[in-house]
Protein backbone atom coordinates (compact mmCIF):
# COMPACT_ATOMS: atom_id res chain seq x y z
CA PHE A 1 -24.37 46.72 -48.27
CA TYR A 2 -22.40 47.61 -51.31
CA ARG A 3 -20.31 50.19 -49.46
CA THR A 4 -18.69 47.38 -47.48
CA ILE A 5 -16.88 46.37 -50.65
CA ASN A 6 -16.26 49.87 -52.02
CA TYR A 7 -14.58 50.94 -48.79
CA ASP A 8 -12.80 47.60 -48.14
CA ILE A 9 -14.60 47.03 -44.83
CA ASP A 10 -13.37 44.12 -42.70
CA ILE A 11 -16.13 44.00 -40.08
CA VAL A 12 -19.82 44.85 -40.41
CA ASN A 13 -21.86 45.50 -37.26
CA MET A 14 -25.59 44.90 -37.63
CA SER A 15 -28.63 45.40 -35.42
CA TRP A 16 -31.82 44.65 -37.31
CA GLY A 17 -35.35 44.26 -36.07
CA PRO A 18 -38.41 43.31 -38.13
CA PHE A 19 -39.08 45.55 -41.12
CA HIS A 20 -42.83 45.22 -40.67
CA GLU A 21 -45.27 43.34 -38.46
CA THR A 22 -45.93 40.55 -40.97
CA GLU A 23 -42.34 39.39 -40.51
CA ILE A 24 -43.03 38.37 -36.93
CA GLY A 25 -44.18 34.78 -36.51
CA SER A 26 -47.55 33.66 -35.20
CA ASN A 27 -46.17 33.39 -31.68
CA GLY A 28 -45.06 37.04 -31.74
CA THR A 29 -41.39 36.22 -32.24
CA TYR A 30 -38.99 35.71 -35.07
CA SER A 31 -36.34 33.54 -33.54
CA CYS A 32 -34.07 31.23 -35.45
CA ASN A 33 -34.36 28.06 -33.39
CA SER A 34 -33.79 25.52 -36.17
CA GLU A 35 -32.55 25.36 -39.72
CA SER A 36 -36.07 24.76 -41.00
CA SER A 37 -37.49 27.78 -39.14
CA CYS A 38 -34.76 29.98 -40.61
CA GLU A 39 -35.24 28.65 -44.13
CA SER A 40 -39.00 28.95 -43.90
CA TRP A 41 -38.81 32.54 -42.71
CA ILE A 42 -36.31 33.53 -45.38
CA ASP A 43 -38.39 31.86 -48.09
CA ASN A 44 -41.54 33.66 -46.94
CA TYR A 45 -39.92 37.09 -47.02
CA ARG A 46 -37.46 36.61 -49.88
CA ASP A 47 -39.17 39.23 -52.04
CA GLU A 48 -40.32 41.57 -49.27
CA THR A 49 -37.13 42.54 -47.49
CA TYR A 50 -33.60 43.64 -48.18
CA PHE A 51 -32.48 40.85 -45.87
CA TYR A 52 -32.42 38.19 -48.56
CA ASP A 53 -30.50 40.52 -50.90
CA TYR A 54 -28.05 41.08 -48.10
CA LEU A 55 -27.60 37.34 -47.52
CA GLU A 56 -26.94 36.75 -51.19
CA TYR A 57 -24.50 39.66 -51.36
CA MET A 58 -22.54 38.78 -48.23
CA SER A 59 -22.29 35.13 -49.23
CA THR A 60 -20.13 36.13 -52.19
CA TYR A 61 -17.41 37.66 -50.00
CA ASP A 62 -15.35 35.43 -47.77
CA ASP A 63 -13.42 37.97 -45.76
CA ILE A 64 -16.01 40.25 -44.09
CA ILE A 65 -16.81 39.45 -40.47
CA GLN A 66 -20.51 39.90 -39.69
CA VAL A 67 -21.36 40.90 -36.11
CA TRP A 68 -25.08 40.56 -35.37
CA ALA A 69 -27.02 41.79 -32.33
CA ALA A 70 -28.96 38.78 -31.01
CA GLY A 71 -32.15 40.75 -30.28
CA ASN A 72 -34.04 42.02 -27.26
CA ASP A 73 -37.00 39.67 -27.04
CA SER A 74 -35.87 37.54 -24.03
CA LEU A 75 -35.84 34.49 -26.32
CA ASP A 76 -33.66 31.39 -25.98
CA ASN A 77 -32.24 31.87 -29.50
CA PRO A 78 -31.09 34.87 -31.58
CA GLN A 79 -33.39 36.73 -33.92
CA ILE A 80 -33.77 35.33 -37.41
CA TYR A 81 -31.47 37.86 -39.08
CA GLY A 82 -28.22 36.98 -37.38
CA GLY A 83 -29.30 33.52 -36.34
CA SER A 84 -29.72 32.43 -39.93
CA CYS A 85 -25.99 32.69 -40.57
CA ILE A 86 -25.22 29.61 -38.49
CA TYR A 87 -27.03 27.51 -41.09
CA ASP A 88 -25.38 29.16 -44.09
CA ASN A 89 -22.17 27.28 -44.95
CA GLU A 90 -20.81 30.29 -46.84
CA ARG A 91 -21.28 32.72 -43.92
CA LYS A 92 -21.18 30.77 -40.68
CA GLU A 93 -17.41 30.99 -40.11
CA LEU A 94 -17.58 34.76 -40.58
CA CYS A 95 -20.55 35.27 -38.28
CA VAL A 96 -20.61 36.38 -34.64
CA LEU A 97 -23.82 36.87 -32.68
CA VAL A 98 -23.85 39.05 -29.57
CA ALA A 99 -26.04 38.73 -26.48
CA ALA A 100 -26.09 41.56 -23.92
CA LEU A 101 -24.84 41.49 -20.36
CA GLY A 102 -26.52 43.41 -17.58
CA THR A 103 -24.65 45.53 -15.06
CA ASP A 104 -24.44 42.44 -12.83
CA GLY A 105 -22.32 40.59 -15.43
CA LYS A 106 -25.11 38.11 -16.28
CA ILE A 107 -27.13 37.92 -19.49
CA ALA A 108 -29.60 40.79 -19.35
CA SER A 109 -33.25 39.86 -18.89
CA TYR A 110 -34.21 41.51 -22.20
CA SER A 111 -31.43 39.88 -24.24
CA ASN A 112 -32.00 36.94 -26.53
CA LYS A 113 -29.67 34.13 -25.56
CA CYS A 114 -27.15 32.33 -27.76
CA GLY A 115 -29.09 29.04 -27.83
CA VAL A 116 -28.54 27.13 -31.08
CA ALA A 117 -25.91 29.70 -32.08
CA SER A 118 -23.71 29.15 -29.01
CA ASN A 119 -20.69 28.20 -31.15
CA HIS A 120 -20.92 31.57 -32.90
CA CYS A 121 -22.01 33.75 -30.00
CA ILE A 122 -20.40 35.95 -27.37
CA THR A 123 -21.70 38.30 -24.70
CA ALA A 124 -20.72 41.92 -24.10
CA PRO A 125 -21.93 44.76 -21.88
CA GLY A 126 -25.23 46.07 -23.21
CA THR A 127 -27.01 47.71 -20.30
CA SER A 128 -26.88 51.44 -19.55
CA ILE A 129 -24.34 52.20 -22.29
CA VAL A 130 -23.65 55.84 -23.12
CA SER A 131 -24.23 56.44 -26.82
CA ALA A 132 -24.26 59.35 -29.25
CA GLU A 133 -27.71 60.90 -29.75
CA HIS A 134 -28.38 63.45 -32.46
CA ASP A 135 -31.65 64.68 -30.90
CA ASP A 136 -30.27 65.29 -27.41
CA SER A 137 -28.96 68.73 -26.42
CA ASP A 138 -25.64 67.39 -25.14
CA GLY A 139 -25.32 64.76 -27.89
CA TYR A 140 -25.39 61.69 -25.61
CA THR A 141 -27.96 59.32 -24.22
CA THR A 142 -27.92 56.09 -22.22
CA MET A 143 -29.32 53.01 -23.93
CA SER A 144 -29.59 49.27 -23.34
CA GLY A 145 -29.81 46.35 -25.76
CA THR A 146 -27.89 43.90 -27.85
CA SER A 147 -27.42 46.77 -30.32
CA MET A 148 -25.28 48.41 -27.64
CA ALA A 149 -23.29 45.20 -27.02
CA ALA A 150 -22.55 44.31 -30.65
CA PRO A 151 -20.35 47.36 -31.40
CA MET A 152 -18.11 46.42 -28.47
CA VAL A 153 -17.51 43.03 -30.05
CA SER A 154 -16.94 44.64 -33.47
CA GLY A 155 -14.37 46.97 -31.91
CA GLY A 156 -12.63 44.09 -30.15
CA LEU A 157 -12.45 42.11 -33.38
CA ALA A 158 -11.01 45.16 -35.17
CA LEU A 159 -8.23 45.38 -32.57
CA ILE A 160 -7.47 41.66 -32.91
CA LYS A 161 -7.48 41.90 -36.71
CA GLU A 162 -5.12 44.88 -36.59
CA ARG A 163 -2.69 43.24 -34.16
CA PHE A 164 -2.73 39.81 -35.78
CA SER A 165 -2.96 40.82 -39.44
CA SER A 166 -1.85 37.39 -40.63
CA LEU A 167 -5.10 35.84 -39.36
CA THR A 168 -7.93 35.40 -41.80
CA SER A 169 -11.39 36.66 -40.95
CA GLU A 170 -12.53 33.09 -40.43
């Protein structure tokens, strides 16, 4: 997290899943479908994850755009990590959540939807995306997920920020 400041980063792309099984709710999911569910989850895992430290750290900087993968659980709302930013007054105007599109141009069946985060959410291609792979003999692999869609949004925001440098991150 701290490198974002040291290297004067404008946009941070994040794809986080649960750190351990106890972070997943009783229904097998960890979706952020209300402010109270987000707050409850964060309170429960405040001391057990780096996530809370990250929230505290990012809340002190008002110019870093946070791009969050929505998750691949086929839920109606984004995962708790990115979804929580829509309820944080210090981060919500710097937060973008990303759902994945399938090859048919519709939200992919595996992708979490924007749901309660629809004002802070966008879709991008996320199915059958060629990606670098350090374990593959040719260095590439094909992957699917919101983690494949989020970097496309981060790249698009970087181009916009470069072209329209007078705009603030908000």
